[in-house]
C-alpha atoms as a PDB file:
ATOM      1  CA  MET A   1      23.914 308.544 116.635  1.00  0.00           C
ATOM      2  CA  LEU A   2      25.640 309.123 113.288  1.00  0.00           C
ATOM      3  CA  GLU A   3      28.413 306.775 114.357  1.00  0.00           C
ATOM      4  CA  SER A   4      26.078 303.954 115.433  1.00  0.00           C
ATOM      5  CA  GLN A   5      26.474 302.011 112.177  1.00  0.00           C
ATOM      6  CA  LEU A   6      30.264 302.230 111.991  1.00  0.00           C
ATOM      7  CA  PRO A   7      30.723 298.967 113.966  1.00  0.00           C
ATOM      8  CA  VAL A   8      28.370 297.144 111.582  1.00  0.00           C
ATOM      9  CA  LEU A   9      30.217 298.464 108.527  1.00  0.00           C
ATOM     10  CA  ILE A  10      33.627 297.550 109.959  1.00  0.00           C
ATOM     11  CA  VAL A  11      32.674 293.992 110.921  1.00  0.00           C
ATOM     12  CA  LEU A  12      30.961 293.389 107.584  1.00  0.00           C
ATOM     13  CA  LEU A  13      33.956 294.700 105.607  1.00  0.00           C
ATOM     14  CA  VAL A  14      36.359 292.486 107.564  1.00  0.00           C
ATOM     15  CA  LEU A  15      34.183 289.373 107.119  1.00  0.00           C
ATOM     16  CA  SER A  16      33.705 290.073 103.431  1.00  0.00           C
ATOM     17  CA  SER A  17      37.427 290.636 102.919  1.00  0.00           C
ATOM     18  CA  GLY A  18      38.377 287.411 104.713  1.00  0.00           C
ATOM     19  CA  ALA A  19      35.833 285.345 102.767  1.00  0.00           C
ATOM     20  CA  LYS A  20      37.109 286.675  99.438  1.00  0.00           C
ATOM     21  CA  LEU A  21      40.725 285.912 100.360  1.00  0.00           C
ATOM     22  CA  VAL A  22      39.779 282.348 101.303  1.00  0.00           C
ATOM     23  CA  ALA A  23      37.915 281.899  97.999  1.00  0.00           C
ATOM     24  CA  ALA A  24      40.830 283.301  95.992  1.00  0.00           C
ATOM     25  CA  ARG A  25      43.372 281.167  97.856  1.00  0.00           C
ATOM     26  CA  SER A  26      41.469 277.893  97.652  1.00  0.00           C
ATOM     27  CA  GLY A  27      40.269 278.422  94.111  1.00  0.00           C
ATOM     28  CA  GLY A  28      37.374 276.032  94.811  1.00  0.00           C
ATOM     29  CA  GLU A  29      36.278 273.706  92.048  1.00  0.00           C
ATOM     30  CA  PRO A  30      37.483 274.402  88.476  1.00  0.00           C
ATOM     31  CA  GLY A  31      35.607 277.412  87.127  1.00  0.00           C
ATOM     32  CA  SER A  32      34.076 278.297  90.499  1.00  0.00           C
ATOM     33  CA  LEU A  33      35.565 281.809  90.498  1.00  0.00           C
ATOM     34  CA  THR A  34      33.736 282.554  87.250  1.00  0.00           C
ATOM     35  CA  ARG A  35      30.489 282.475  89.253  1.00  0.00           C
ATOM     36  CA  LEU A  36      31.561 284.912  91.987  1.00  0.00           C
ATOM     37  CA  GLY A  37      30.943 288.651  91.994  1.00  0.00           C
ATOM     38  CA  PRO A  38      33.624 290.869  90.459  1.00  0.00           C
ATOM     39  CA  ALA A  39      35.572 287.836  89.205  1.00  0.00           C
ATOM     40  CA  ALA A  40      32.701 286.988  86.841  1.00  0.00           C
ATOM     41  CA  LEU A  41      33.206 290.240  84.920  1.00  0.00           C
ATOM     42  CA  VAL A  42      36.946 289.891  84.151  1.00  0.00           C
ATOM     43  CA  PRO A  43      39.018 287.411  82.082  1.00  0.00           C
ATOM     44  CA  GLU A  44      39.803 284.109  83.796  1.00  0.00           C
ATOM     45  CA  ARG A  45      43.488 284.844  84.390  1.00  0.00           C
ATOM     46  CA  TRP A  46      42.561 287.952  86.410  1.00  0.00           C
ATOM     47  CA  GLN A  47      39.735 286.483  88.462  1.00  0.00           C
ATOM     48  CA  ALA A  48      41.734 285.560  91.578  1.00  0.00           C
ATOM     49  CA  GLY A  49      43.503 288.925  91.411  1.00  0.00           C
ATOM     50  CA  ALA A  50      40.175 290.749  91.212  1.00  0.00           C
ATOM     51  CA  LEU A  51      38.969 289.040  94.392  1.00  0.00           C
ATOM     52  CA  VAL A  52      42.243 289.784  96.211  1.00  0.00           C
ATOM     53  CA  THR A  53      42.184 293.442  95.116  1.00  0.00           C
ATOM     54  CA  CYS A  54      38.590 293.837  96.269  1.00  0.00           C
ATOM     55  CA  ALA A  55      39.421 292.155  99.591  1.00  0.00           C
ATOM     56  CA  ALA A  56      42.447 294.409 100.137  1.00  0.00           C
ATOM     57  CA  GLY A  57      40.327 297.485  99.466  1.00  0.00           C
ATOM     58  CA  GLU A  58      37.686 296.356 101.938  1.00  0.00           C
ATOM     59  CA  LEU A  59      40.315 295.680 104.591  1.00  0.00           C
ATOM     60  CA  ALA A  60      41.863 299.115 104.070  1.00  0.00           C
ATOM     61  CA  LEU A  61      38.449 300.773 104.408  1.00  0.00           C
ATOM     62  CA  ALA A  62      37.694 298.797 107.571  1.00  0.00           C
ATOM     63  CA  GLY A  63      41.011 299.874 109.113  1.00  0.00           C
ATOM     64  CA  GLY A  64      40.423 303.490 108.191  1.00  0.00           C
ATOM     65  CA  LEU A  65      36.923 303.509 109.642  1.00  0.00           C
ATOM     66  CA  LEU A  66      38.154 301.813 112.811  1.00  0.00           C
ATOM     67  CA  LEU A  67      41.101 304.076 113.564  1.00  0.00           C
ATOM     68  CA  SER A  68      40.409 307.401 111.874  1.00  0.00           C
ATOM     69  CA  THR A  69      37.804 310.094 111.370  1.00  0.00           C
ATOM     70  CA  HIS A  70      39.382 311.226 108.092  1.00  0.00           C
ATOM     71  CA  ALA A  71      36.766 312.066 105.472  1.00  0.00           C
ATOM     72  CA  LEU A  72      38.721 310.149 102.822  1.00  0.00           C
ATOM     73  CA  PHE A  73      37.944 306.764 104.393  1.00  0.00           C
ATOM     74  CA  ARG A  74      34.318 307.716 105.018  1.00  0.00           C
ATOM     75  CA  TRP A  75      33.644 308.910 101.469  1.00  0.00           C
ATOM     76  CA  TRP A  76      35.522 306.052  99.847  1.00  0.00           C
ATOM     77  CA  THR A  77      33.328 303.640 101.804  1.00  0.00           C
ATOM     78  CA  VAL A  78      30.259 305.352 100.350  1.00  0.00           C
ATOM     79  CA  VAL A  79      31.759 305.106  96.850  1.00  0.00           C
ATOM     80  CA  PHE A  80      32.669 301.445  97.390  1.00  0.00           C
ATOM     81  CA  PHE A  81      29.142 300.385  98.318  1.00  0.00           C
ATOM     82  CA  ALA A  82      27.614 302.541  95.567  1.00  0.00           C
ATOM     83  CA  LEU A  83      29.913 300.879  93.010  1.00  0.00           C
ATOM     84  CA  SER A  84      29.025 297.490  94.498  1.00  0.00           C
ATOM     85  CA  THR A  85      25.364 298.215  93.773  1.00  0.00           C
ATOM     86  CA  TYR A  86      26.230 299.003  90.160  1.00  0.00           C
ATOM     87  CA  VAL A  87      28.304 295.811  89.834  1.00  0.00           C
ATOM     88  CA  LEU A  88      25.438 293.688  91.182  1.00  0.00           C
ATOM     89  CA  LEU A  89      23.019 295.224  88.692  1.00  0.00           C
ATOM     90  CA  GLU A  90      25.506 294.481  85.901  1.00  0.00           C
ATOM     91  CA  LEU A  91      25.796 290.892  87.112  1.00  0.00           C
ATOM     92  CA  ARG A  92      22.002 290.484  87.018  1.00  0.00           C
ATOM     93  CA  ARG A  93      22.014 291.771  83.440  1.00  0.00           C
ATOM     94  CA  ARG A  94      25.161 290.135  81.998  1.00  0.00           C
ATOM     95  CA  ARG A  95      25.665 287.038  84.173  1.00  0.00           C
ATOM     96  CA  PRO A  96      22.318 285.997  85.696  1.00  0.00           C
ATOM     97  CA  ASP A  97      23.858 282.680  86.778  1.00  0.00           C
ATOM     98  CA  ALA A  98      26.615 284.316  88.873  1.00  0.00           C
ATOM     99  CA  GLY A  99      26.479 285.050  92.593  1.00  0.00           C
ATOM    100  CA  CYS A 100      27.504 288.355  94.108  1.00  0.00           C
ATOM    101  CA  GLY A 101      30.617 286.874  95.746  1.00  0.00           C
ATOM    102  CA  CYS A 102      30.127 289.354  98.601  1.00  0.00           C
ATOM    103  CA  PHE A 103      31.211 286.706 101.116  1.00  0.00           C
ATOM    104  CA  GLY A 104      33.214 284.465  98.838  1.00  0.00           C
ATOM    105  CA  GLU A 105      31.803 281.076  97.918  1.00  0.00           C
ATOM    106  CA  VAL A 106      28.994 281.450 100.466  1.00  0.00           C
ATOM    107  CA  SER A 107      27.482 284.093  98.157  1.00  0.00           C
ATOM    108  CA  GLY A 108      27.155 281.725  95.207  1.00  0.00           C
ATOM    109  CA  ALA A 109      23.398 282.087  94.660  1.00  0.00           C
ATOM    110  CA  PRO A 110      22.336 284.268  91.684  1.00  0.00           C
ATOM    111  CA  VAL A 111      22.111 287.963  92.465  1.00  0.00           C
ATOM    112  CA  GLY A 112      18.597 288.895  93.575  1.00  0.00           C
ATOM    113  CA  LEU A 113      16.838 292.015  94.744  1.00  0.00           C
ATOM    114  CA  ARG A 114      17.816 291.299  98.355  1.00  0.00           C
ATOM    115  CA  SER A 115      21.524 291.477  97.554  1.00  0.00           C
ATOM    116  CA  VAL A 116      21.033 294.703  95.611  1.00  0.00           C
ATOM    117  CA  GLY A 117      18.891 296.106  98.420  1.00  0.00           C
ATOM    118  CA  ARG A 118      21.602 295.255 100.946  1.00  0.00           C
ATOM    119  CA  THR A 119      24.248 297.261  99.103  1.00  0.00           C
ATOM    120  CA  LEU A 120      21.827 300.181  98.843  1.00  0.00           C
ATOM    121  CA  VAL A 121      21.249 300.039 102.607  1.00  0.00           C
ATOM    122  CA  LEU A 122      25.005 299.837 103.216  1.00  0.00           C
ATOM    123  CA  THR A 123      25.524 302.853 100.975  1.00  0.00           C
ATOM    124  CA  GLY A 124      23.011 304.782 103.073  1.00  0.00           C
ATOM    125  CA  MET A 125      24.618 303.637 106.333  1.00  0.00           C
ATOM    126  CA  ALA A 126      28.052 304.659 105.064  1.00  0.00           C
ATOM    127  CA  LEU A 127      26.706 308.042 103.986  1.00  0.00           C
ATOM    128  CA  LEU A 128      25.235 308.706 107.445  1.00  0.00           C
ATOM    129  CA  SER A 129      28.555 307.764 109.019  1.00  0.00           C
ATOM    130  CA  VAL A 130      30.498 310.375 107.017  1.00  0.00           C
ATOM    131  CA  TRP A 131      29.764 313.030 109.615  1.00  0.00           C
ATOM    132  CA  ALA A 132      30.318 310.804 112.653  1.00  0.00           C
ATOM    133  CA  PRO A 133      32.515 312.750 115.153  1.00  0.00           C
ATOM    134  CA  VAL A 134      34.390 309.684 116.480  1.00  0.00           C
ATOM    135  CA  PRO A 135      36.407 306.830 114.937  1.00  0.00           C
ATOM    136  CA  GLY A 136      34.950 303.352 114.692  1.00  0.00           C
ATOM    137  CA  TRP A 137      36.561 301.975 117.849  1.00  0.00           C
ATOM    138  CA  ALA A 138      34.802 304.651 119.920  1.00  0.00           C
ATOM    139  CA  ALA A 139      31.474 303.980 118.199  1.00  0.00           C
ATOM    140  CA  TYR A 140      31.164 300.591 119.892  1.00  0.00           C
ATOM    141  CA  GLY A 141      29.760 302.517 122.830  1.00  0.00           C
ATOM    142  CA  SER A 142      26.749 303.588 120.772  1.00  0.00           C
ATOM    143  CA  PRO A 143      23.270 302.508 121.915  1.00  0.00           C
ATOM    144  CA  ALA A 144      22.864 298.773 121.443  1.00  0.00           C
ATOM    145  CA  TRP A 145      19.422 299.147 119.872  1.00  0.00           C
ATOM    146  CA  ALA A 146      20.803 301.328 117.057  1.00  0.00           C
ATOM    147  CA  ILE A 147      23.521 298.809 116.217  1.00  0.00           C
ATOM    148  CA  ALA A 148      21.050 295.926 116.475  1.00  0.00           C
ATOM    149  CA  ALA A 149      18.639 297.670 114.092  1.00  0.00           C
ATOM    150  CA  GLY A 150      21.319 297.796 111.403  1.00  0.00           C
ATOM    151  CA  VAL A 151      22.236 294.150 111.969  1.00  0.00           C
ATOM    152  CA  ILE A 152      18.603 293.027 111.701  1.00  0.00           C
ATOM    153  CA  VAL A 153      18.022 294.921 108.441  1.00  0.00           C
ATOM    154  CA  LEU A 154      21.162 293.448 106.889  1.00  0.00           C
ATOM    155  CA  ALA A 155      20.273 289.946 108.103  1.00  0.00           C
ATOM    156  CA  VAL A 156      16.854 290.172 106.427  1.00  0.00           C
ATOM    157  CA  LEU A 157      18.541 291.252 103.170  1.00  0.00           C
ATOM    158  CA  SER A 158      21.240 288.546 103.274  1.00  0.00           C
ATOM    159  CA  PRO A 159      20.436 285.406 101.236  1.00  0.00           C
ATOM    160  CA  GLU A 160      23.749 283.935 102.476  1.00  0.00           C
ATOM    161  CA  ILE A 161      22.087 283.045 105.778  1.00  0.00           C
ATOM    162  CA  GLU A 162      19.606 280.725 104.052  1.00  0.00           C
ATOM    163  CA  GLU A 163      22.352 279.338 101.818  1.00  0.00           C
ATOM    164  CA  THR A 164      24.548 278.595 104.835  1.00  0.00           C
ATOM    165  CA  VAL A 165      21.686 276.848 106.628  1.00  0.00           C
ATOM    166  CA  GLU A 166      21.042 274.711 103.545  1.00  0.00           C
ATOM    167  CA  ARG A 167      24.735 273.825 103.260  1.00  0.00           C
ATOM    168  CA  ILE A 168      24.807 272.767 106.904  1.00  0.00           C
ATOM    169  CA  ARG A 169      21.677 270.657 106.424  1.00  0.00           C
ATOM    170  CA  TYR A 170      22.683 268.996 103.187  1.00  0.00           C
ATOM    171  CA  ARG A 171      26.504 269.288 103.256  1.00  0.00           C
ATOM    172  CA  ALA A 172      26.664 269.074  99.476  1.00  0.00           C
ATOM    173  CA  PRO A 173      26.914 271.606  96.634  1.00  0.00           C
ATOM    174  CA  CYS A 174      23.624 272.698  95.127  1.00  0.00           C
ATOM    175  CA  GLU A 175      24.283 270.846  91.880  1.00  0.00           C
ATOM    176  CA  GLN A 176      24.703 267.566  93.801  1.00  0.00           C
ATOM    177  CA  ARG A 177      21.584 267.848  95.949  1.00  0.00           C
ATOM    178  CA  PRO A 178      18.329 266.078  95.093  1.00  0.00           C
ATOM    179  CA  ALA A 179      16.164 268.517  93.168  1.00  0.00           C
ATOM    180  CA  PRO A 180      12.600 269.350  94.218  1.00  0.00           C
ATOM    181  CA  GLU A 181       9.908 267.604  92.234  1.00  0.00           C
ATOM    182  CA  GLU A 182       9.255 269.157  88.849  1.00  0.00           C
ATOM    183  CA  GLY A 183       5.762 270.230  89.906  1.00  0.00           C
ATOM    184  CA  VAL A 184       7.135 272.069  92.946  1.00  0.00           C
ATOM    185  CA  THR A 185       9.639 273.966  90.827  1.00  0.00           C
ATOM    186  CA  LEU A 186       6.943 274.783  88.259  1.00  0.00           C
ATOM    187  CA  SER A 187       4.759 276.188  91.061  1.00  0.00           C
ATOM    188  CA  ARG A 188       7.647 278.401  92.179  1.00  0.00           C
ATOM    189  CA  LEU A 189       8.040 279.599  88.605  1.00  0.00           C
ATOM    190  CA  ARG A 190       4.364 280.529  88.383  1.00  0.00           C
ATOM    191  CA  ALA A 191       4.591 282.441  91.667  1.00  0.00           C
ATOM    192  CA  SER A 192       7.389 284.658  90.322  1.00  0.00           C
ATOM    193  CA  SER A 193       7.143 288.152  88.874  1.00  0.00           C
ATOM    194  CA  THR A 194       9.106 286.962  85.818  1.00  0.00           C
ATOM    195  CA  TRP A 195       6.321 284.493  84.997  1.00  0.00           C
ATOM    196  CA  ARG A 196       3.587 287.084  85.535  1.00  0.00           C
ATOM    197  CA  GLY A 197       5.371 289.486  83.206  1.00  0.00           C
ATOM    198  CA  HIS A 198       5.499 286.995  80.310  1.00  0.00           C
ATOM    199  CA  ARG A 199       2.665 284.489  80.764  1.00  0.00           C
ATOM    200  CA  ASP A 200       0.375 286.365  78.314  1.00  0.00           C
ATOM    201  CA  GLU A 201       2.958 285.721  75.589  1.00  0.00           C
ATOM    202  CA  LEU A 202       2.621 281.947  75.950  1.00  0.00           C
ATOM    203  CA  ALA A 203       0.541 279.944  73.494  1.00  0.00           C
ATOM    204  CA  VAL A 204       0.032 277.157  76.059  1.00  0.00           C
ATOM    205  CA  ALA A 205       0.361 277.404  79.849  1.00  0.00           C
ATOM    206  CA  GLU A 206       2.102 274.024  80.149  1.00  0.00           C
ATOM    207  CA  PRO A 207       5.774 273.507  79.185  1.00  0.00           C
ATOM    208  CA  TYR A 208       6.502 271.160  76.301  1.00  0.00           C
ATOM    209  CA  ASP A 209       9.891 270.266  77.802  1.00  0.00           C
ATOM    210  CA  SER A 210      11.888 270.639  81.016  1.00  0.00           C
ATOM    211  CA  TRP A 211      15.362 269.622  82.140  1.00  0.00           C
ATOM    212  CA  ARG A 212      17.894 270.210  84.894  1.00  0.00           C
ATOM    213  CA  GLU A 213      21.416 271.616  84.517  1.00  0.00           C
ATOM    214  CA  LEU A 214      23.470 271.963  87.731  1.00  0.00           C
ATOM    215  CA  CYS A 215      21.467 274.238  90.073  1.00  0.00           C
ATOM    216  CA  TRP A 216      18.826 275.261  87.510  1.00  0.00           C
ATOM    217  CA  ARG A 217      15.691 273.678  86.098  1.00  0.00           C
ATOM    218  CA  PHE A 218      14.593 274.890  82.691  1.00  0.00           C
ATOM    219  CA  PHE A 219      11.046 274.991  81.296  1.00  0.00           C
ATOM    220  CA  ALA A 220      10.442 275.515  77.575  1.00  0.00           C
ATOM    221  CA  PHE A 221       7.203 277.023  76.230  1.00  0.00           C
ATOM    222  CA  LYS A 222       6.001 278.189  72.832  1.00  0.00           C
ATOM    223  CA  ASN A 223       4.773 281.739  72.322  1.00  0.00           C
ATOM    224  CA  HIS A 224       2.138 282.922  69.844  1.00  0.00           C
ATOM    225  CA  ASP A 225       4.778 283.414  67.133  1.00  0.00           C
ATOM    226  CA  GLY A 226       6.082 279.863  67.463  1.00  0.00           C
ATOM    227  CA  ASP A 227       9.319 280.909  69.153  1.00  0.00           C
ATOM    228  CA  ASP A 228      10.622 279.350  72.368  1.00  0.00           C
ATOM    229  CA  ILE A 229      10.337 281.086  75.731  1.00  0.00           C
ATOM    230  CA  VAL A 230      12.624 279.340  78.215  1.00  0.00           C
ATOM    231  CA  PHE A 231      12.378 279.972  81.948  1.00  0.00           C
ATOM    232  CA  ALA A 232      15.201 278.992  84.326  1.00  0.00           C
ATOM    233  CA  VAL A 233      14.431 278.445  88.023  1.00  0.00           C
ATOM    234  CA  TYR A 234      17.219 278.246  90.605  1.00  0.00           C
ATOM    235  CA  LEU A 235      16.839 275.113  92.729  1.00  0.00           C
ATOM    236  CA  ALA A 236      17.931 276.559  96.107  1.00  0.00           C
ATOM    237  CA  GLY A 237      16.125 278.968  98.434  1.00  0.00           C
ATOM    238  CA  ARG A 238      12.505 279.553  99.293  1.00  0.00           C
ATOM    239  CA  ARG A 239      12.217 282.391  96.769  1.00  0.00           C
ATOM    240  CA  PRO A 240      14.513 281.218  94.000  1.00  0.00           C
ATOM    241  CA  ALA A 241      15.847 283.370  91.214  1.00  0.00           C
ATOM    242  CA  VAL A 242      13.932 283.063  87.931  1.00  0.00           C
ATOM    243  CA  ARG A 243      15.339 284.037  84.534  1.00  0.00           C
ATOM    244  CA  MET A 244      13.739 284.126  81.086  1.00  0.00           C
ATOM    245  CA  ALA A 245      15.113 283.987  77.541  1.00  0.00           C
ATOM    246  CA  LEU A 246      13.377 284.277  74.170  1.00  0.00           C
ATOM    247  CA  VAL A 247      14.850 281.931  71.552  1.00  0.00           C
ATOM    248  CA  SER A 248      13.861 282.455  67.933  1.00  0.00           C
ATOM    249  CA  THR A 249      13.299 279.206  66.050  1.00  0.00           C
ATOM    250  CA  GLU A 250      14.870 280.778  62.959  1.00  0.00           C
ATOM    251  CA  SER A 251      18.242 281.061  64.716  1.00  0.00           C
ATOM    252  CA  MET A 252      18.180 277.575  66.267  1.00  0.00           C
ATOM    253  CA  PRO A 253      19.018 274.182  64.746  1.00  0.00           C
ATOM    254  CA  GLU A 254      16.456 271.405  64.887  1.00  0.00           C
ATOM    255  CA  TYR A 255      15.526 270.879  68.549  1.00  0.00           C
ATOM    256  CA  THR A 256      15.517 267.445  70.133  1.00  0.00           C
ATOM    257  CA  THR A 257      13.294 266.994  73.184  1.00  0.00           C
ATOM    258  CA  VAL A 258      15.219 266.024  76.310  1.00  0.00           C
END
């Protein structure tokens, strides 16, 4: 049973590697790589190289898991997914607008708890597979229910599925789609944990200004000290990402309402 998740890990690594290579080769729209996973954390001239390097590493791990039982490939897979978890947490902190880039441009939505949870689950699956007695190709004979269980868990934790469905339905980038009504987006904001954590700081519960930039809608409020609290709500997904920033009026020029 220890080897039951090897097929899932191998297929996922191959798909992830291929998607990154396609993103690096096409380049997408100008600046698109700056919003994808590891590329968002390096200078612009190294972004395509970072994606290619990550893809090559994933492909090497997939090949090792498929053909060998050597502990080196098993442990490096554990390290890879553990490092991926750290990178996603750094992205949430330093680049809240960037996607994880796990599957290239498909993973363009801001990093959420589901993406972080997925890498944690993959780390656990890789750790269990360290002591598997057979290589990956032989593990495809494992019980179907065990393999299916891993696939279902990963599917639940994969926001890319919803993003892909939306792209098929709308066939346009998020920034070019019609935005939900302002009231709908405001309701999503108020249903978020970010709002609940900061609503007591607000002087008034209604925003004094709101505007849209690309895939985000921003809502500006005043707090009890007269400073601005600005919430940003991502415009795609049923449970969109929500970010918050505190802007001191002392450090800002005169503000013009949009």
